[in-house]
C-alpha atoms as a PDB file:
ATOM      1  CA  MET A   1     114.737  93.723  98.687  1.00  0.00           C
ATOM      2  CA  SER A   2     116.782  94.079  96.630  1.00  0.00           C
ATOM      3  CA  MET A   3     118.171  96.499  94.903  1.00  0.00           C
ATOM      4  CA  LYS A   4     119.573  97.585  91.030  1.00  0.00           C
ATOM      5  CA  ASN A   5     121.426 101.211  89.947  1.00  0.00           C
ATOM      6  CA  ILE A   6     119.508 103.467  87.129  1.00  0.00           C
ATOM      7  CA  ASN A   7     121.255 106.295  85.751  1.00  0.00           C
ATOM      8  CA  PHE A   8     119.084 109.172  84.947  1.00  0.00           C
ATOM      9  CA  ARG A   9     119.575 113.122  84.524  1.00  0.00           C
ATOM     10  CA  ILE A  10     117.682 115.740  87.073  1.00  0.00           C
ATOM     11  CA  PRO A  11     117.795 119.953  86.183  1.00  0.00           C
ATOM     12  CA  ALA A  12     120.493 121.668  88.337  1.00  0.00           C
ATOM     13  CA  GLU A  13     117.314 123.293  90.571  1.00  0.00           C
ATOM     14  CA  LEU A  14     116.297 119.507  91.889  1.00  0.00           C
ATOM     15  CA  ASP A  15     119.641 118.757  92.588  1.00  0.00           C
ATOM     16  CA  ASP A  16     120.062 121.908  94.379  1.00  0.00           C
ATOM     17  CA  LYS A  17     117.407 121.120  96.072  1.00  0.00           C
ATOM     18  CA  LEU A  18     118.025 117.232  97.378  1.00  0.00           C
ATOM     19  CA  GLU A  19     121.334 118.400  98.318  1.00  0.00           C
ATOM     20  CA  ARG A  20     119.673 120.890 100.673  1.00  0.00           C
ATOM     21  CA  LEU A  21     117.542 118.075 102.075  1.00  0.00           C
ATOM     22  CA  THR A  22     120.625 116.112 102.453  1.00  0.00           C
ATOM     23  CA  LYS A  23     122.422 118.305 104.764  1.00  0.00           C
ATOM     24  CA  VAL A  24     119.714 119.380 106.756  1.00  0.00           C
ATOM     25  CA  THR A  25     118.558 115.018 107.394  1.00  0.00           C
ATOM     26  CA  GLU A  26     121.585 113.155 106.860  1.00  0.00           C
ATOM     27  CA  ARG A  27     119.817 111.063 104.375  1.00  0.00           C
ATOM     28  CA  SER A  28     120.962 110.458 100.912  1.00  0.00           C
ATOM     29  CA  LYS A  29     119.781 111.780  98.269  1.00  0.00           C
ATOM     30  CA  THR A  30     118.403 108.227  96.863  1.00  0.00           C
ATOM     31  CA  PHE A  31     116.973 108.026  99.940  1.00  0.00           C
ATOM     32  CA  PHE A  32     114.908 110.971  98.747  1.00  0.00           C
ATOM     33  CA  ILE A  33     114.292 109.699  95.342  1.00  0.00           C
ATOM     34  CA  ASN A  34     113.212 105.823  96.379  1.00  0.00           C
ATOM     35  CA  LYS A  35     110.339 107.749  98.524  1.00  0.00           C
ATOM     36  CA  ALA A  36     109.465 110.410  96.065  1.00  0.00           C
ATOM     37  CA  ILE A  37     109.064 107.336  92.925  1.00  0.00           C
ATOM     38  CA  GLU A  38     107.185 105.102  95.558  1.00  0.00           C
ATOM     39  CA  GLN A  39     105.172 107.757  96.261  1.00  0.00           C
ATOM     40  CA  TYR A  40     103.908 108.586  92.744  1.00  0.00           C
ATOM     41  CA  LEU A  41     103.598 105.086  91.961  1.00  0.00           C
ATOM     42  CA  GLU A  42     101.898 104.374  94.477  1.00  0.00           C
ATOM     43  CA  ASP A  43      99.107 107.781  93.645  1.00  0.00           C
ATOM     44  CA  ASN A  44      99.224 107.204  90.125  1.00  0.00           C
ATOM     45  CA  TYR A  45     100.207 103.508  89.070  1.00  0.00           C
ATOM     46  CA  LYS A  46      96.817 102.050  88.232  1.00  0.00           C
ATOM     47  CA  ARG A  47      95.512 104.937  86.452  1.00  0.00           C
ATOM     48  CA  ILE A  48      98.166 105.186  83.980  1.00  0.00           C
ATOM     49  CA  LEU A  49      98.313 101.631  83.258  1.00  0.00           C
ATOM     50  CA  THR A  50      94.075 101.493  82.968  1.00  0.00           C
ATOM     51  CA  SER A  51      93.952 105.503  81.889  1.00  0.00           C
ATOM     52  CA  LYS A  52      92.158 105.525  78.364  1.00  0.00           C
ATOM     53  CA  ASP A  53      94.269 109.008  78.002  1.00  0.00           C
ATOM     54  CA  PRO A  54      96.543 109.059  74.597  1.00  0.00           C
ATOM     55  CA  GLU A  55      98.733 110.953  76.667  1.00  0.00           C
ATOM     56  CA  LEU A  56      99.875 108.283  78.959  1.00  0.00           C
ATOM     57  CA  SER A  57      98.678 105.001  76.841  1.00  0.00           C
ATOM     58  CA  SER A  58     101.678 102.678  76.903  1.00  0.00           C
ATOM     59  CA  ASN A  59     102.129 104.082  72.263  1.00  0.00           C
ATOM     60  CA  LYS A  60     102.609 107.010  73.649  1.00  0.00           C
ATOM     61  CA  HIS A  61     105.469 106.619  76.425  1.00  0.00           C
ATOM     62  CA  ARG A  62     109.193 107.103  75.347  1.00  0.00           C
ATOM     63  CA  LYS A  63     112.143 107.229  76.556  1.00  0.00           C
ATOM     64  CA  GLU A  64     113.786 110.725  78.072  1.00  0.00           C
END
């Protein structure tokens, strides 16, 4: 699988949790972030793409 770099900001509280996980498990932050994104997309991808909800429609998406 090819990989790409993505830069983003997260709240300090989430970073603190990631730090604790990395120390306890000896896994990287990247590992946990990838797993979280994979799980979110698995759970929500089709629902979001087919949603009639105006909050989820493509014209409401915005970059933050």
